[in-house]
């Protein structure tokens, strides 16, 4: 998967301006910083983002409960990235095929 596409998806979903050259590990780290900021300053916005991106709430709660001492921002960031990757894959699999080259088949 193209990391640029993933970063662009994250930027769009969260209204961020992360560099498109970030690899997945760096993306998760930067995203974790932003999420930790939202946890402390604007929790409602974080909830809205998680809802809009469609992060699995059950999975998120389970992971947070399983790792009580872990950095919540990193856990949430990993789930956000995972969900955006799923969306990219799904879109690529359901993209319409190209129309025929000749005009005979066109309407």
C-alpha atoms as a PDB file:
ATOM      1  CA  UNK A   1       0.000   0.000   0.000  1.00  0.00           C
ATOM      2  CA  UNK A   2       1.224   3.469  -0.867  1.00  0.00           C
ATOM      3  CA  UNK A   3       2.077   5.351   2.333  1.00  0.00           C
ATOM      4  CA  UNK A   4       1.367   8.668   0.605  1.00  0.00           C
ATOM      5  CA  UNK A   5      -2.224   7.628   0.015  1.00  0.00           C
ATOM      6  CA  UNK A   6      -2.538   6.564   3.640  1.00  0.00           C
ATOM      7  CA  UNK A   7      -1.121   9.856   4.931  1.00  0.00           C
ATOM      8  CA  UNK A   8      -3.449  11.789   2.615  1.00  0.00           C
ATOM      9  CA  UNK A   9      -6.426   9.847   3.948  1.00  0.00           C
ATOM     10  CA  UNK A  10      -5.396  10.569   7.543  1.00  0.00           C
ATOM     11  CA  UNK A  11      -4.822  14.238   6.744  1.00  0.00           C
ATOM     12  CA  UNK A  12      -8.258  14.520   5.196  1.00  0.00           C
ATOM     13  CA  UNK A  13     -10.058  12.633   7.961  1.00  0.00           C
ATOM     14  CA  UNK A  14      -8.409  14.553  10.803  1.00  0.00           C
ATOM     15  CA  UNK A  15      -7.804  17.908   9.091  1.00  0.00           C
ATOM     16  CA  UNK A  16      -4.050  17.559   9.609  1.00  0.00           C
ATOM     17  CA  UNK A  17      -1.052  18.452   7.481  1.00  0.00           C
ATOM     18  CA  UNK A  18       1.288  15.529   8.048  1.00  0.00           C
ATOM     19  CA  UNK A  19       4.081  15.070   5.532  1.00  0.00           C
ATOM     20  CA  UNK A  20       3.146  12.571   2.815  1.00  0.00           C
ATOM     21  CA  UNK A  21       6.647  11.081   3.027  1.00  0.00           C
ATOM     22  CA  UNK A  22       6.044   9.601   6.499  1.00  0.00           C
ATOM     23  CA  UNK A  23       6.321   5.851   6.756  1.00  0.00           C
ATOM     24  CA  UNK A  24       3.662   3.949   8.684  1.00  0.00           C
ATOM     25  CA  UNK A  25       5.606   3.891  11.956  1.00  0.00           C
ATOM     26  CA  UNK A  26       6.279   7.637  11.869  1.00  0.00           C
ATOM     27  CA  UNK A  27       2.660   8.261  10.895  1.00  0.00           C
ATOM     28  CA  UNK A  28       1.400   6.352  13.940  1.00  0.00           C
ATOM     29  CA  UNK A  29       3.823   8.265  16.186  1.00  0.00           C
ATOM     30  CA  UNK A  30       2.762  11.699  14.868  1.00  0.00           C
ATOM     31  CA  UNK A  31      -0.877  10.710  14.995  1.00  0.00           C
ATOM     32  CA  UNK A  32      -0.472   9.476  18.585  1.00  0.00           C
ATOM     33  CA  UNK A  33       0.879  12.900  19.567  1.00  0.00           C
ATOM     34  CA  UNK A  34      -2.160  14.586  18.033  1.00  0.00           C
ATOM     35  CA  UNK A  35      -4.557  12.142  19.667  1.00  0.00           C
ATOM     36  CA  UNK A  36      -2.965  12.629  23.083  1.00  0.00           C
ATOM     37  CA  UNK A  37      -3.378  16.372  22.564  1.00  0.00           C
ATOM     38  CA  UNK A  38      -7.066  15.850  21.761  1.00  0.00           C
ATOM     39  CA  UNK A  39      -7.515  13.599  24.809  1.00  0.00           C
ATOM     40  CA  UNK A  40      -6.358  16.419  27.079  1.00  0.00           C
ATOM     41  CA  UNK A  41      -7.793  19.442  25.256  1.00  0.00           C
ATOM     42  CA  UNK A  42     -10.804  18.463  23.136  1.00  0.00           C
ATOM     43  CA  UNK A  43     -12.090  14.991  23.930  1.00  0.00           C
ATOM     44  CA  UNK A  44     -15.374  15.625  22.083  1.00  0.00           C
ATOM     45  CA  UNK A  45     -13.452  16.291  18.876  1.00  0.00           C
ATOM     46  CA  UNK A  46     -11.589  13.013  19.327  1.00  0.00           C
ATOM     47  CA  UNK A  47     -14.877  11.154  19.755  1.00  0.00           C
ATOM     48  CA  UNK A  48     -16.214  12.836  16.615  1.00  0.00           C
ATOM     49  CA  UNK A  49     -13.112  11.824  14.623  1.00  0.00           C
ATOM     50  CA  UNK A  50     -13.336   8.219  15.805  1.00  0.00           C
ATOM     51  CA  UNK A  51     -16.998   8.127  14.831  1.00  0.00           C
ATOM     52  CA  UNK A  52     -16.406   9.716  11.434  1.00  0.00           C
ATOM     53  CA  UNK A  53     -13.501   7.406  10.586  1.00  0.00           C
ATOM     54  CA  UNK A  54     -15.600   4.502  11.863  1.00  0.00           C
ATOM     55  CA  UNK A  55     -13.119   3.031  14.319  1.00  0.00           C
ATOM     56  CA  UNK A  56     -14.545  -0.093  15.927  1.00  0.00           C
ATOM     57  CA  UNK A  57     -15.603   1.042  19.402  1.00  0.00           C
ATOM     58  CA  UNK A  58     -15.677  -2.470  20.852  1.00  0.00           C
ATOM     59  CA  UNK A  59     -12.162  -3.202  19.616  1.00  0.00           C
ATOM     60  CA  UNK A  60     -10.907   0.140  20.946  1.00  0.00           C
ATOM     61  CA  UNK A  61     -12.388  -0.419  24.403  1.00  0.00           C
ATOM     62  CA  UNK A  62     -11.016  -3.966  24.527  1.00  0.00           C
ATOM     63  CA  UNK A  63      -7.492  -2.830  23.587  1.00  0.00           C
ATOM     64  CA  UNK A  64      -7.549   0.009  26.117  1.00  0.00           C
ATOM     65  CA  UNK A  65      -8.721  -2.415  28.832  1.00  0.00           C
ATOM     66  CA  UNK A  66      -6.096  -5.027  27.899  1.00  0.00           C
ATOM     67  CA  UNK A  67      -3.279  -2.458  28.076  1.00  0.00           C
ATOM     68  CA  UNK A  68      -4.153  -0.117  30.972  1.00  0.00           C
ATOM     69  CA  UNK A  69      -0.652   1.350  31.288  1.00  0.00           C
ATOM     70  CA  UNK A  70      -0.059   1.797  27.583  1.00  0.00           C
ATOM     71  CA  UNK A  71      -0.148   5.097  25.700  1.00  0.00           C
ATOM     72  CA  UNK A  72      -3.804   5.477  24.689  1.00  0.00           C
ATOM     73  CA  UNK A  73      -2.782   7.794  21.852  1.00  0.00           C
ATOM     74  CA  UNK A  74      -0.669   5.069  20.251  1.00  0.00           C
ATOM     75  CA  UNK A  75      -3.447   2.500  20.558  1.00  0.00           C
ATOM     76  CA  UNK A  76      -6.004   4.853  19.033  1.00  0.00           C
ATOM     77  CA  UNK A  77      -3.571   5.976  16.318  1.00  0.00           C
ATOM     78  CA  UNK A  78      -2.880   2.371  15.304  1.00  0.00           C
ATOM     79  CA  UNK A  79      -6.613   1.685  15.050  1.00  0.00           C
ATOM     80  CA  UNK A  80      -7.191   4.832  12.992  1.00  0.00           C
ATOM     81  CA  UNK A  81      -4.431   3.876  10.586  1.00  0.00           C
ATOM     82  CA  UNK A  82      -5.729   0.309  10.385  1.00  0.00           C
ATOM     83  CA  UNK A  83      -9.242   1.541   9.569  1.00  0.00           C
ATOM     84  CA  UNK A  84      -8.009   3.949   6.908  1.00  0.00           C
ATOM     85  CA  UNK A  85      -5.987   1.137   5.331  1.00  0.00           C
ATOM     86  CA  UNK A  86      -9.110  -1.025   5.241  1.00  0.00           C
ATOM     87  CA  UNK A  87     -11.004   1.754   3.472  1.00  0.00           C
ATOM     88  CA  UNK A  88      -8.246   2.217   0.885  1.00  0.00           C
ATOM     89  CA  UNK A  89      -8.164  -1.510   0.153  1.00  0.00           C
ATOM     90  CA  UNK A  90     -11.942  -1.698  -0.085  1.00  0.00           C
ATOM     91  CA  UNK A  91     -12.087   1.242  -2.494  1.00  0.00           C
ATOM     92  CA  UNK A  92      -9.403  -0.251  -4.728  1.00  0.00           C
ATOM     93  CA  UNK A  93     -11.256  -3.570  -4.859  1.00  0.00           C
ATOM     94  CA  UNK A  94     -14.554  -1.938  -5.764  1.00  0.00           C
ATOM     95  CA  UNK A  95     -13.269   0.592  -8.272  1.00  0.00           C
ATOM     96  CA  UNK A  96     -15.177   0.406 -11.541  1.00  0.00           C
ATOM     97  CA  UNK A  97     -13.343  -1.124 -14.450  1.00  0.00           C
ATOM     98  CA  UNK A  98     -12.119   1.085 -17.254  1.00  0.00           C
ATOM     99  CA  UNK A  99     -14.506   1.558 -20.187  1.00  0.00           C
ATOM    100  CA  UNK A 100     -13.572  -0.130 -23.480  1.00  0.00           C
ATOM    101  CA  UNK A 101     -11.044   1.672 -25.653  1.00  0.00           C
ATOM    102  CA  UNK A 102     -13.212   1.744 -28.752  1.00  0.00           C
ATOM    103  CA  UNK A 103     -16.333   3.868 -29.015  1.00  0.00           C
ATOM    104  CA  UNK A 104     -18.515   1.013 -30.268  1.00  0.00           C
ATOM    105  CA  UNK A 105     -19.229  -0.167 -26.731  1.00  0.00           C
ATOM    106  CA  UNK A 106     -19.936   3.309 -25.384  1.00  0.00           C
ATOM    107  CA  UNK A 107     -23.375   4.844 -25.292  1.00  0.00           C
END
